């Protein structure tokens, strides 16, 4: 059975092959809805899209084992590349997932859209770095 290691929380869990990353994290008591650089984590734990890939608050970095996850789907590609209206920001645009994606194009995923097929290491709530070397490139 695959093992998911949550780096920040120092938690390792065993999951069935093909398990949904968000569901398994919630079962283990890991909050994947971290907000912006940790701000809003409590609120986002309650106010989110509940796994439909629309809010982007469950973004995570797969630090090891990206090859052991499902391929990125259309919902994730759209969510990361263009700000779209979300249930969390009614009538407004949510640029946060797009900003967080810059510089992490190969490793960032939405936990709700990711299936686990082998051992992986996950960093929850990756920070947004507006002044990073890749931001303006």
Protein backbone atom coordinates (compact mmCIF):
# COMPACT_ATOMS: atom_id res chain seq x y z
CA UNK A 1 0.00 0.00 0.00
CA UNK A 2 1.27 3.51 -0.82
CA UNK A 3 2.52 5.77 1.97
CA UNK A 4 1.81 9.51 2.05
CA UNK A 5 4.22 11.56 4.15
CA UNK A 6 3.02 15.03 5.13
CA UNK A 7 6.31 16.88 5.63
CA UNK A 8 5.20 19.91 7.72
CA UNK A 9 2.88 17.87 9.94
CA UNK A 10 5.37 14.97 10.34
CA UNK A 11 2.60 12.46 9.66
CA UNK A 12 2.84 9.30 7.56
CA UNK A 13 -0.25 7.39 6.50
CA UNK A 14 -0.82 4.24 4.49
CA UNK A 15 -3.56 4.50 1.86
CA UNK A 16 -5.13 2.18 -0.70
CA UNK A 17 -3.77 2.42 -4.25
CA UNK A 18 -5.73 5.08 -6.20
CA UNK A 19 -6.87 6.93 -3.06
CA UNK A 20 -7.81 10.61 -3.24
CA UNK A 21 -5.14 12.76 -1.54
CA UNK A 22 -7.59 15.29 -0.02
CA UNK A 23 -9.90 12.65 1.46
CA UNK A 24 -7.03 10.69 2.99
CA UNK A 25 -5.46 13.86 4.45
CA UNK A 26 -8.74 14.85 6.09
CA UNK A 27 -9.13 11.33 7.54
CA UNK A 28 -5.63 11.67 9.03
CA UNK A 29 -6.43 15.08 10.55
CA UNK A 30 -4.27 17.07 8.12
CA UNK A 31 -5.71 20.42 7.01
CA UNK A 32 -4.85 20.81 3.31
CA UNK A 33 -6.88 24.05 3.09
CA UNK A 34 -4.11 26.34 4.36
CA UNK A 35 -5.10 29.71 2.92
CA UNK A 36 -2.59 32.37 1.87
CA UNK A 37 0.75 31.76 3.58
CA UNK A 38 -1.15 30.19 6.49
CA UNK A 39 -3.60 33.09 6.88
CA UNK A 40 -7.20 31.87 6.71
CA UNK A 41 -6.47 28.19 7.30
CA UNK A 42 -9.27 27.81 9.86
CA UNK A 43 -11.83 29.53 7.67
CA UNK A 44 -10.80 27.64 4.54
CA UNK A 45 -11.16 24.35 6.40
CA UNK A 46 -14.91 25.02 6.44
CA UNK A 47 -15.44 27.27 3.41
CA UNK A 48 -14.08 25.39 0.41
CA UNK A 49 -15.46 23.65 -2.68
CA UNK A 50 -15.43 20.22 -0.94
CA UNK A 51 -13.34 18.48 -3.57
CA UNK A 52 -14.65 19.84 -6.87
CA UNK A 53 -11.38 21.60 -7.82
CA UNK A 54 -12.94 25.05 -7.91
CA UNK A 55 -11.48 26.93 -4.94
CA UNK A 56 -7.78 26.07 -5.11
CA UNK A 57 -7.34 26.15 -1.32
CA UNK A 58 -6.17 22.51 -1.22
CA UNK A 59 -3.05 23.20 -3.28
CA UNK A 60 -0.05 21.13 -2.22
CA UNK A 61 3.50 20.53 -3.40
CA UNK A 62 4.48 16.96 -4.16
CA UNK A 63 8.11 17.06 -3.01
CA UNK A 64 8.84 13.39 -3.78
CA UNK A 65 7.07 10.80 -5.88
CA UNK A 66 5.28 12.97 -8.45
CA UNK A 67 5.42 9.98 -10.81
CA UNK A 68 3.23 8.10 -8.31
CA UNK A 69 0.27 10.47 -8.73
CA UNK A 70 -2.44 10.76 -11.36
CA UNK A 71 -1.74 13.10 -14.29
CA UNK A 72 -2.90 16.71 -13.96
CA UNK A 73 -6.38 17.08 -15.39
CA UNK A 74 -8.18 19.90 -17.15
CA UNK A 75 -9.72 21.31 -13.95
CA UNK A 76 -6.30 21.69 -12.33
CA UNK A 77 -4.72 23.19 -15.43
CA UNK A 78 -7.46 25.81 -15.66
CA UNK A 79 -7.42 26.51 -11.93
CA UNK A 80 -3.68 27.12 -11.83
CA UNK A 81 -3.32 29.06 -15.06
CA UNK A 82 -6.19 31.55 -14.97
CA UNK A 83 -8.09 33.24 -12.13
CA UNK A 84 -11.73 32.18 -12.31
CA UNK A 85 -14.78 32.90 -10.12
CA UNK A 86 -15.04 30.46 -7.23
CA UNK A 87 -17.60 29.55 -4.58
CA UNK A 88 -15.22 31.00 -1.98
CA UNK A 89 -15.08 34.42 -3.66
CA UNK A 90 -18.61 34.90 -5.04
CA UNK A 91 -18.65 37.19 -8.03
CA UNK A 92 -14.92 37.82 -7.73
CA UNK A 93 -11.78 36.35 -9.17
CA UNK A 94 -9.43 34.26 -7.07
CA UNK A 95 -5.81 34.81 -8.20
CA UNK A 96 -4.19 32.95 -5.28
CA UNK A 97 -3.79 29.50 -6.92
CA UNK A 98 -2.30 31.17 -10.02
CA UNK A 99 0.22 33.13 -7.95
CA UNK A 100 1.22 30.08 -5.91
CA UNK A 101 1.73 28.05 -9.11
CA UNK A 102 4.51 30.33 -10.38
CA UNK A 103 7.81 28.56 -9.85
CA UNK A 104 6.14 25.26 -8.89
CA UNK A 105 4.73 24.23 -12.26
CA UNK A 106 6.14 20.69 -12.06
CA UNK A 107 5.19 19.85 -8.47
CA UNK A 108 2.02 21.76 -7.49
CA UNK A 109 -1.29 19.90 -7.43
CA UNK A 110 -4.78 20.25 -6.03
CA UNK A 111 -5.17 17.58 -3.36
CA UNK A 112 -8.82 17.06 -4.29
CA UNK A 113 -7.90 16.14 -7.86
CA UNK A 114 -4.87 13.95 -7.08
CA UNK A 115 -4.95 10.17 -6.85
CA UNK A 116 -2.09 8.35 -5.15
CA UNK A 117 -0.60 5.23 -6.76
CA UNK A 118 2.70 4.99 -4.85
CA UNK A 119 4.76 6.58 -2.07
CA UNK A 120 4.77 10.40 -2.05
CA UNK A 121 5.87 13.29 0.15
CA UNK A 122 3.54 16.28 0.39
CA UNK A 123 4.02 19.85 1.58
CA UNK A 124 0.69 21.41 2.54
CA UNK A 125 0.01 25.13 2.09
CA UNK A 126 2.96 26.09 -0.08
CA UNK A 127 3.75 29.79 0.39
CA UNK A 128 3.19 32.41 -2.29
CA UNK A 129 6.46 34.14 -3.12
CA UNK A 130 5.73 37.33 -5.05
CA UNK A 131 9.41 38.22 -5.14
CA UNK A 132 10.82 34.87 -6.21
CA UNK A 133 13.19 34.52 -9.14
CA UNK A 134 10.52 33.00 -11.42
CA UNK A 135 7.68 35.41 -10.70
CA UNK A 136 8.36 38.00 -13.38
CA UNK A 137 9.84 35.64 -15.99
